[in-house]
Every structure is written in structure tokens, then in C-alpha cells.
Amino acid sequence: MTGHNRPQRVIEATQQANNTLPTATRQAKYAKMAASPYRFFRGSNHLYWNDVWHDWRFALFGGWPETQTWLQGDAHGYNFGAYGHHDDQVRYGMDDFDDALIGDYQYDLWRLAISVVLDARENAELDPKAIDKALKKVNKGLLPNPGESC
């Protein structure tokens, strides 16, 4: 989605993505989305995919068959949770896979990074330096060390 008339295009795309919802449900969703940038982000996954699906920057770090994997599809901080396991151990990981798809690993990384920034600003009121530190921790936890296989 280009910058040309972007506000109107965002409104139209959001209306189209939500036109099958009952009126009351759609209005409630729009009210939640209007409350903050982070809530808007969580309610507009379709805009993210329109914006990044063919982004040229993916070729810098991937964009070939070896970087394809199952994606969560709506990666953000509130799509993580803890689960009990048959061996009585608790596992922590991503949940909410209704938007799962196969694609380049970077799609989930980018969306998760955006989520970290918006959540840190809104809920933790972190300064830019602390947000950069959080992003480095996310990166370190998700990506292998140089020379290490995935």
C-alpha cells in the first residue's frame, strides 16, 4: 500500500477486511482499534500483510526456499502463552495459529518486533534506548548465532 492517499486506502481496506462482521461486533472492534496504535496494529493484520508481502528487504536476509517455514501469521506479544505438557512440564510459546501460513521467517520477526515497540511504548512507557535493548533481546532469543544452523 503506497503512501498515495494512504489514510483513505487504510480506511477502505479495514472496512473491506471487516465487512462480514455483524455491525455491533465491527463497531466494537473499531472502538478498540481507535484506542491506541498497538490496538490498531493488533486489529489490522491485513494491513501488515499488504504492506510487507513483496517488500524488497526480505532479499537481504532470506527470500529463498531455505528461509521458508511455518509462520504464526499474526505474531505479537499477546500471542504467546504457557501450556501444560503430558510430562508435567510447562512449555511457553506462540499460540493463536488461525492465521498460520508458510512464508519467509522474517514476516513473523518483523511483526513481532513492531509489536514489541508498540507495546513497550504504550504499556511499559519505555524510552527509545530501552526499546532498542528489548529488540536486541528478542533478536538474540529468536535468531541463531552466526555459523549456527536454524
N, C-alpha and C. Protein backbone atom coordinates (compact mmCIF):
# COMPACT_ATOMS: atom_id res chain seq x y z
N MET A 1 0.85 -1.17 0.00
CA MET A 1 0.00 0.00 0.00
C MET A 1 0.90 1.23 0.00
N THR A 2 0.86 1.98 -1.05
CA THR A 2 1.74 3.13 -1.18
C THR A 2 1.26 4.30 -0.33
N GLY A 3 2.10 5.32 -0.25
CA GLY A 3 1.77 6.50 0.54
C GLY A 3 0.70 7.37 -0.10
N HIS A 4 0.46 7.16 -1.41
CA HIS A 4 -0.53 7.98 -2.12
C HIS A 4 -1.93 7.73 -1.54
N ASN A 5 -2.50 8.77 -0.95
CA ASN A 5 -3.84 8.71 -0.36
C ASN A 5 -3.96 7.59 0.67
N ARG A 6 -2.89 7.36 1.41
CA ARG A 6 -2.85 6.24 2.36
C ARG A 6 -3.97 6.27 3.40
N PRO A 7 -4.28 7.39 4.03
CA PRO A 7 -5.36 7.34 5.04
C PRO A 7 -6.67 6.78 4.48
N GLN A 8 -7.05 7.21 3.31
CA GLN A 8 -8.30 6.72 2.72
C GLN A 8 -8.17 5.24 2.35
N ARG A 9 -7.02 4.83 1.86
CA ARG A 9 -6.81 3.42 1.49
C ARG A 9 -6.82 2.52 2.72
N VAL A 10 -6.29 3.01 3.85
CA VAL A 10 -6.32 2.23 5.09
C VAL A 10 -7.77 2.06 5.55
N ILE A 11 -8.54 3.12 5.50
CA ILE A 11 -9.96 3.04 5.89
C ILE A 11 -10.70 2.05 5.01
N GLU A 12 -10.51 2.14 3.71
CA GLU A 12 -11.20 1.24 2.78
C GLU A 12 -10.78 -0.22 2.99
N ALA A 13 -9.48 -0.46 3.17
CA ALA A 13 -9.00 -1.83 3.38
C ALA A 13 -9.53 -2.39 4.70
N THR A 14 -9.60 -1.56 5.73
CA THR A 14 -10.11 -2.00 7.02
C THR A 14 -11.60 -2.31 6.94
N GLN A 15 -12.33 -1.47 6.23
CA GLN A 15 -13.76 -1.74 6.05
C GLN A 15 -13.98 -3.04 5.28
N GLN A 16 -13.20 -3.24 4.23
CA GLN A 16 -13.33 -4.46 3.44
C GLN A 16 -12.99 -5.70 4.25
N ALA A 17 -11.92 -5.63 5.05
CA ALA A 17 -11.49 -6.78 5.85
C ALA A 17 -12.50 -7.15 6.93
N ASN A 18 -13.32 -6.20 7.34
CA ASN A 18 -14.25 -6.43 8.44
C ASN A 18 -15.71 -6.40 8.02
N ASN A 19 -16.00 -6.35 6.73
CA ASN A 19 -17.38 -6.16 6.27
C ASN A 19 -18.29 -7.35 6.55
N THR A 20 -17.73 -8.53 6.85
CA THR A 20 -18.58 -9.68 7.15
C THR A 20 -18.98 -9.76 8.62
N LEU A 21 -18.37 -8.94 9.46
CA LEU A 21 -18.72 -8.94 10.88
C LEU A 21 -20.08 -8.28 11.08
N PRO A 22 -20.85 -8.77 12.04
CA PRO A 22 -22.10 -8.08 12.38
C PRO A 22 -21.79 -6.63 12.79
N THR A 23 -22.70 -5.74 12.54
CA THR A 23 -22.49 -4.31 12.77
C THR A 23 -21.99 -4.02 14.18
N ALA A 24 -22.63 -4.58 15.19
CA ALA A 24 -22.23 -4.30 16.58
C ALA A 24 -20.82 -4.80 16.86
N THR A 25 -20.49 -5.96 16.34
CA THR A 25 -19.15 -6.53 16.54
C THR A 25 -18.10 -5.68 15.83
N ARG A 26 -18.42 -5.26 14.61
CA ARG A 26 -17.50 -4.42 13.85
C ARG A 26 -17.28 -3.08 14.55
N GLN A 27 -18.34 -2.47 15.03
CA GLN A 27 -18.22 -1.18 15.73
C GLN A 27 -17.40 -1.33 17.01
N ALA A 28 -17.59 -2.43 17.74
CA ALA A 28 -16.81 -2.67 18.95
C ALA A 28 -15.34 -2.86 18.60
N LYS A 29 -15.06 -3.58 17.52
CA LYS A 29 -13.67 -3.77 17.10
C LYS A 29 -13.04 -2.43 16.72
N TYR A 30 -13.75 -1.63 15.95
CA TYR A 30 -13.22 -0.33 15.56
C TYR A 30 -12.95 0.57 16.77
N ALA A 31 -13.82 0.49 17.78
CA ALA A 31 -13.62 1.29 19.00
C ALA A 31 -12.34 0.84 19.71
N LYS A 32 -12.11 -0.48 19.79
CA LYS A 32 -10.87 -0.98 20.39
C LYS A 32 -9.66 -0.51 19.59
N MET A 33 -9.76 -0.62 18.27
CA MET A 33 -8.64 -0.23 17.42
C MET A 33 -8.31 1.26 17.55
N ALA A 34 -9.32 2.07 17.78
CA ALA A 34 -9.13 3.52 17.89
C ALA A 34 -8.47 3.92 19.20
N ALA A 35 -8.43 3.02 20.16
CA ALA A 35 -7.92 3.35 21.49
C ALA A 35 -6.42 3.60 21.53
N SER A 36 -5.65 2.94 20.63
CA SER A 36 -4.20 3.13 20.68
C SER A 36 -3.55 2.55 19.43
N PRO A 37 -2.33 2.98 19.13
CA PRO A 37 -1.61 2.40 17.99
C PRO A 37 -1.43 0.88 18.11
N TYR A 38 -1.14 0.40 19.32
CA TYR A 38 -0.95 -1.03 19.50
C TYR A 38 -2.23 -1.81 19.24
N ARG A 39 -3.34 -1.32 19.73
CA ARG A 39 -4.62 -1.99 19.49
C ARG A 39 -5.00 -1.92 18.01
N PHE A 40 -4.66 -0.82 17.35
CA PHE A 40 -4.90 -0.73 15.91
C PHE A 40 -4.07 -1.79 15.19
N PHE A 41 -2.82 -1.90 15.57
CA PHE A 41 -1.90 -2.89 14.98
C PHE A 41 -2.47 -4.30 15.15
N ARG A 42 -2.92 -4.63 16.34
CA ARG A 42 -3.46 -5.97 16.59
C ARG A 42 -4.71 -6.24 15.78
N GLY A 43 -5.49 -5.23 15.49
CA GLY A 43 -6.74 -5.42 14.76
C GLY A 43 -6.63 -5.26 13.26
N SER A 44 -5.42 -5.01 12.77
CA SER A 44 -5.27 -4.73 11.33
C SER A 44 -4.16 -5.57 10.70
N ASN A 45 -4.14 -6.85 11.03
CA ASN A 45 -3.14 -7.76 10.47
C ASN A 45 -3.15 -7.70 8.94
N HIS A 46 -4.31 -7.50 8.34
CA HIS A 46 -4.42 -7.44 6.88
C HIS A 46 -3.58 -6.29 6.30
N LEU A 47 -3.47 -5.18 7.01
CA LEU A 47 -2.66 -4.06 6.52
C LEU A 47 -1.17 -4.42 6.55
N TYR A 48 -0.75 -5.09 7.61
CA TYR A 48 0.64 -5.52 7.69
C TYR A 48 0.99 -6.37 6.48
N TRP A 49 0.17 -7.36 6.19
CA TRP A 49 0.47 -8.26 5.07
C TRP A 49 0.44 -7.53 3.74
N ASN A 50 -0.48 -6.59 3.56
CA ASN A 50 -0.48 -5.79 2.32
C ASN A 50 0.80 -4.98 2.18
N ASP A 51 1.30 -4.48 3.30
CA ASP A 51 2.49 -3.62 3.27
C ASP A 51 3.79 -4.40 3.04
N VAL A 52 3.91 -5.59 3.60
CA VAL A 52 5.21 -6.26 3.59
C VAL A 52 5.33 -7.47 2.67
N TRP A 53 4.23 -7.94 2.10
CA TRP A 53 4.27 -9.19 1.37
C TRP A 53 5.34 -9.23 0.28
N HIS A 54 5.54 -8.15 -0.43
CA HIS A 54 6.53 -8.12 -1.50
C HIS A 54 7.66 -7.12 -1.21
N ASP A 55 7.96 -6.92 0.06
CA ASP A 55 8.99 -5.94 0.44
C ASP A 55 10.37 -6.40 -0.03
N TRP A 56 11.09 -5.52 -0.67
CA TRP A 56 12.41 -5.84 -1.25
C TRP A 56 13.44 -6.22 -0.18
N ARG A 57 13.25 -5.76 1.07
CA ARG A 57 14.25 -6.02 2.11
C ARG A 57 14.34 -7.48 2.52
N PHE A 58 13.34 -8.28 2.20
CA PHE A 58 13.42 -9.70 2.55
C PHE A 58 14.57 -10.38 1.82
N ALA A 59 14.92 -9.89 0.65
CA ALA A 59 16.03 -10.49 -0.11
C ALA A 59 17.37 -10.26 0.58
N LEU A 60 17.46 -9.32 1.50
CA LEU A 60 18.72 -9.07 2.19
C LEU A 60 19.09 -10.20 3.14
N PHE A 61 18.10 -10.85 3.73
CA PHE A 61 18.36 -11.87 4.76
C PHE A 61 17.65 -13.19 4.49
N GLY A 62 17.01 -13.31 3.39
CA GLY A 62 16.25 -14.53 3.10
C GLY A 62 15.61 -14.41 1.74
N GLY A 63 14.37 -14.83 1.67
CA GLY A 63 13.64 -14.73 0.42
C GLY A 63 13.90 -15.90 -0.53
N TRP A 64 14.45 -16.98 -0.03
CA TRP A 64 14.66 -18.16 -0.87
C TRP A 64 14.06 -19.37 -0.14
N PRO A 65 13.94 -20.50 -0.80
CA PRO A 65 13.26 -21.65 -0.17
C PRO A 65 13.81 -22.05 1.20
N GLU A 66 15.10 -21.90 1.43
CA GLU A 66 15.68 -22.30 2.70
C GLU A 66 15.22 -21.44 3.88
N THR A 67 14.65 -20.28 3.61
CA THR A 67 14.19 -19.42 4.69
C THR A 67 12.67 -19.49 4.88
N GLN A 68 12.03 -20.42 4.18
CA GLN A 68 10.59 -20.63 4.31
C GLN A 68 10.33 -21.56 5.49
N THR A 69 9.29 -21.27 6.25
CA THR A 69 8.91 -22.10 7.39
C THR A 69 7.45 -21.84 7.71
N TRP A 70 6.91 -22.60 8.65
CA TRP A 70 5.57 -22.30 9.13
C TRP A 70 5.63 -21.00 9.94
N LEU A 71 4.75 -20.08 9.63
CA LEU A 71 4.66 -18.82 10.36
C LEU A 71 3.40 -18.83 11.22
N GLN A 72 3.48 -18.14 12.32
CA GLN A 72 2.32 -17.96 13.18
C GLN A 72 1.30 -17.10 12.45
N GLY A 73 1.76 -16.11 11.70
CA GLY A 73 0.89 -15.30 10.85
C GLY A 73 0.34 -14.04 11.48
N ASP A 74 0.35 -13.96 12.79
CA ASP A 74 -0.12 -12.76 13.50
C ASP A 74 0.73 -12.59 14.75
N ALA A 75 2.04 -12.57 14.54
CA ALA A 75 2.98 -12.54 15.66
C ALA A 75 2.92 -11.20 16.40
N HIS A 76 2.55 -11.26 17.66
CA HIS A 76 2.62 -10.10 18.55
C HIS A 76 2.70 -10.61 19.98
N GLY A 77 3.04 -9.73 20.87
CA GLY A 77 3.32 -10.11 22.24
C GLY A 77 2.20 -10.84 22.97
N TYR A 78 0.96 -10.62 22.56
CA TYR A 78 -0.15 -11.27 23.26
C TYR A 78 -0.52 -12.61 22.63
N ASN A 79 0.24 -13.06 21.65
CA ASN A 79 0.02 -14.38 21.08
C ASN A 79 1.09 -15.36 21.55
N PHE A 80 1.50 -15.20 22.80
CA PHE A 80 2.39 -16.15 23.48
C PHE A 80 1.66 -16.64 24.72
N GLY A 81 1.94 -17.86 25.11
CA GLY A 81 1.29 -18.38 26.31
C GLY A 81 2.03 -19.58 26.86
N ALA A 82 1.62 -20.02 28.05
CA ALA A 82 2.19 -21.18 28.73
C ALA A 82 1.21 -22.34 28.63
N TYR A 83 1.77 -23.55 28.47
CA TYR A 83 0.95 -24.74 28.27
C TYR A 83 1.49 -25.88 29.12
N GLY A 84 0.57 -26.66 29.69
CA GLY A 84 0.97 -27.88 30.37
C GLY A 84 1.26 -28.96 29.32
N HIS A 85 2.11 -29.88 29.64
CA HIS A 85 2.51 -30.94 28.72
C HIS A 85 2.32 -32.28 29.42
N HIS A 86 2.20 -33.36 28.66
CA HIS A 86 1.94 -34.68 29.25
C HIS A 86 3.04 -35.12 30.21
N ASP A 87 4.23 -34.55 30.12
CA ASP A 87 5.31 -34.90 31.05
C ASP A 87 5.34 -33.99 32.28
N ASP A 88 4.25 -33.27 32.51
CA ASP A 88 4.08 -32.36 33.65
C ASP A 88 5.01 -31.14 33.60
N GLN A 89 5.62 -30.89 32.47
CA GLN A 89 6.44 -29.69 32.29
C GLN A 89 5.58 -28.59 31.66
N VAL A 90 5.89 -27.37 31.95
CA VAL A 90 5.19 -26.24 31.36
C VAL A 90 6.02 -25.74 30.18
N ARG A 91 5.36 -25.55 29.06
CA ARG A 91 6.02 -25.03 27.86
C ARG A 91 5.50 -23.62 27.61
N TYR A 92 6.36 -22.78 27.09
CA TYR A 92 5.99 -21.40 26.75
C TYR A 92 6.26 -21.21 25.26
N GLY A 93 5.30 -20.67 24.56
CA GLY A 93 5.50 -20.45 23.14
C GLY A 93 4.34 -19.69 22.52
N MET A 94 4.36 -19.62 21.20
CA MET A 94 3.33 -18.89 20.47
C MET A 94 2.03 -19.67 20.48
N ASP A 95 0.92 -18.94 20.40
CA ASP A 95 -0.39 -19.55 20.28
C ASP A 95 -1.18 -18.78 19.21
N ASP A 96 -2.44 -19.11 19.05
CA ASP A 96 -3.32 -18.43 18.10
C ASP A 96 -2.81 -18.58 16.67
N PHE A 97 -2.92 -19.79 16.16
CA PHE A 97 -2.40 -20.10 14.82
C PHE A 97 -3.46 -20.04 13.72
N ASP A 98 -4.54 -19.31 13.93
CA ASP A 98 -5.58 -19.27 12.90
C ASP A 98 -5.14 -18.52 11.64
N ASP A 99 -4.05 -17.76 11.70
CA ASP A 99 -3.52 -17.07 10.53
C ASP A 99 -2.22 -17.70 10.03
N ALA A 100 -1.94 -18.94 10.46
CA ALA A 100 -0.68 -19.60 10.10
C ALA A 100 -0.57 -19.81 8.59
N LEU A 101 0.66 -19.73 8.10
CA LEU A 101 0.94 -19.93 6.69
C LEU A 101 2.42 -20.26 6.53
N ILE A 102 2.79 -20.70 5.36
CA ILE A 102 4.20 -20.93 5.06
C ILE A 102 4.73 -19.68 4.37
N GLY A 103 5.85 -19.18 4.86
CA GLY A 103 6.45 -17.98 4.29
C GLY A 103 7.84 -17.77 4.86
N ASP A 104 8.45 -16.67 4.49
CA ASP A 104 9.79 -16.34 4.97
C ASP A 104 9.73 -16.00 6.45
N TYR A 105 10.69 -16.53 7.22
CA TYR A 105 10.72 -16.33 8.67
C TYR A 105 10.65 -14.86 9.06
N GLN A 106 11.12 -13.99 8.19
CA GLN A 106 11.19 -12.57 8.53
C GLN A 106 9.82 -11.93 8.73
N TYR A 107 8.78 -12.47 8.08
CA TYR A 107 7.45 -11.89 8.25
C TYR A 107 7.04 -11.92 9.73
N ASP A 108 7.22 -13.06 10.38
CA ASP A 108 6.88 -13.14 11.81
C ASP A 108 7.82 -12.30 12.65
N LEU A 109 9.11 -12.30 12.33
CA LEU A 109 10.07 -11.49 13.10
C LEU A 109 9.73 -10.02 13.03
N TRP A 110 9.44 -9.52 11.84
CA TRP A 110 9.13 -8.10 11.70
C TRP A 110 7.87 -7.74 12.47
N ARG A 111 6.84 -8.57 12.34
CA ARG A 111 5.59 -8.26 13.04
C ARG A 111 5.80 -8.31 14.55
N LEU A 112 6.54 -9.29 15.03
CA LEU A 112 6.82 -9.36 16.46
C LEU A 112 7.62 -8.15 16.93
N ALA A 113 8.60 -7.72 16.14
CA ALA A 113 9.40 -6.54 16.51
C ALA A 113 8.53 -5.29 16.59
N ILE A 114 7.63 -5.12 15.65
CA ILE A 114 6.71 -3.98 15.68
C ILE A 114 5.87 -4.04 16.96
N SER A 115 5.41 -5.24 17.29
CA SER A 115 4.61 -5.44 18.49
C SER A 115 5.39 -5.04 19.75
N VAL A 116 6.65 -5.44 19.82
CA VAL A 116 7.48 -5.10 20.98
C VAL A 116 7.59 -3.58 21.12
N VAL A 117 7.84 -2.90 20.03
CA VAL A 117 7.98 -1.43 20.07
C VAL A 117 6.67 -0.78 20.53
N LEU A 118 5.56 -1.15 19.90
CA LEU A 118 4.29 -0.52 20.26
C LEU A 118 3.87 -0.85 21.69
N ASP A 119 4.06 -2.10 22.10
CA ASP A 119 3.70 -2.49 23.47
C ASP A 119 4.60 -1.79 24.49
N ALA A 120 5.89 -1.69 24.18
CA ALA A 120 6.82 -1.02 25.10
C ALA A 120 6.47 0.45 25.27
N ARG A 121 6.06 1.09 24.20
CA ARG A 121 5.66 2.50 24.29
C ARG A 121 4.37 2.67 25.08
N GLU A 122 3.39 1.83 24.78
CA GLU A 122 2.07 2.00 25.36
C GLU A 122 1.96 1.50 26.79
N ASN A 123 2.45 0.31 27.05
CA ASN A 123 2.21 -0.33 28.33
C ASN A 123 3.36 -0.20 29.33
N ALA A 124 4.57 -0.15 28.84
CA ALA A 124 5.71 -0.04 29.74
C ALA A 124 6.29 1.37 29.75
N GLU A 125 5.86 2.19 28.81
CA GLU A 125 6.35 3.57 28.68
C GLU A 125 7.88 3.62 28.67
N LEU A 126 8.47 2.69 27.91
CA LEU A 126 9.93 2.64 27.80
C LEU A 126 10.45 3.73 26.88
N ASP A 127 11.65 4.21 27.18
CA ASP A 127 12.28 5.19 26.31
C ASP A 127 12.92 4.46 25.12
N PRO A 128 13.30 5.19 24.07
CA PRO A 128 13.86 4.56 22.87
C PRO A 128 15.07 3.66 23.14
N LYS A 129 15.92 4.04 24.07
CA LYS A 129 17.10 3.23 24.39
C LYS A 129 16.69 1.88 24.98
N ALA A 130 15.71 1.89 25.87
CA ALA A 130 15.23 0.65 26.48
C ALA A 130 14.51 -0.22 25.44
N ILE A 131 13.81 0.41 24.51
CA ILE A 131 13.13 -0.34 23.44
C ILE A 131 14.17 -1.01 22.55
N ASP A 132 15.24 -0.31 22.20
CA ASP A 132 16.31 -0.91 21.41
C ASP A 132 16.90 -2.13 22.13
N LYS A 133 17.08 -2.02 23.43
CA LYS A 133 17.61 -3.12 24.22
C LYS A 133 16.65 -4.32 24.18
N ALA A 134 15.35 -4.05 24.29
CA ALA A 134 14.36 -5.12 24.23
C ALA A 134 14.37 -5.80 22.86
N LEU A 135 14.50 -5.01 21.80
CA LEU A 135 14.55 -5.60 20.45
C LEU A 135 15.78 -6.47 20.27
N LYS A 136 16.90 -6.05 20.84
CA LYS A 136 18.12 -6.88 20.76
C LYS A 136 17.92 -8.19 21.50
N LYS A 137 17.22 -8.17 22.63
CA LYS A 137 16.94 -9.40 23.37
C LYS A 137 16.02 -10.32 22.56
N VAL A 138 15.02 -9.76 21.92
CA VAL A 138 14.13 -10.55 21.07
C VAL A 138 14.94 -11.18 19.94
N ASN A 139 15.76 -10.37 19.29
CA ASN A 139 16.59 -10.86 18.19
C ASN A 139 17.52 -11.98 18.65
N LYS A 140 18.16 -11.79 19.79
CA LYS A 140 19.09 -12.78 20.31
C LYS A 140 18.36 -14.08 20.65
N GLY A 141 17.15 -13.97 21.15
CA GLY A 141 16.39 -15.15 21.53
C GLY A 141 15.79 -15.92 20.36
N LEU A 142 15.62 -15.26 19.22
CA LEU A 142 14.94 -15.88 18.09
C LEU A 142 15.86 -16.32 16.97
N LEU A 143 17.00 -15.67 16.82
CA LEU A 143 17.88 -15.98 15.70
C LEU A 143 19.09 -16.76 16.18
N PRO A 144 19.56 -17.69 15.36
CA PRO A 144 20.76 -18.42 15.75
C PRO A 144 21.99 -17.53 15.71
N ASN A 145 23.01 -17.95 16.45
CA ASN A 145 24.28 -17.23 16.40
C ASN A 145 24.93 -17.44 15.03
N PRO A 146 25.76 -16.51 14.58
CA PRO A 146 26.41 -16.69 13.28
C PRO A 146 27.13 -18.05 13.23
N GLY A 147 26.96 -18.74 12.13
CA GLY A 147 27.56 -20.04 11.96
C GLY A 147 26.76 -21.19 12.53
N GLU A 148 25.68 -20.88 13.28
CA GLU A 148 24.84 -21.90 13.88
C GLU A 148 23.64 -22.15 12.96
N SER A 149 23.29 -23.38 12.75
CA SER A 149 22.16 -23.68 11.86
C SER A 149 20.85 -23.44 12.57
N CYS A 150 19.80 -23.22 11.80
CA CYS A 150 18.48 -22.97 12.34
C CYS A 150 17.86 -24.24 12.87
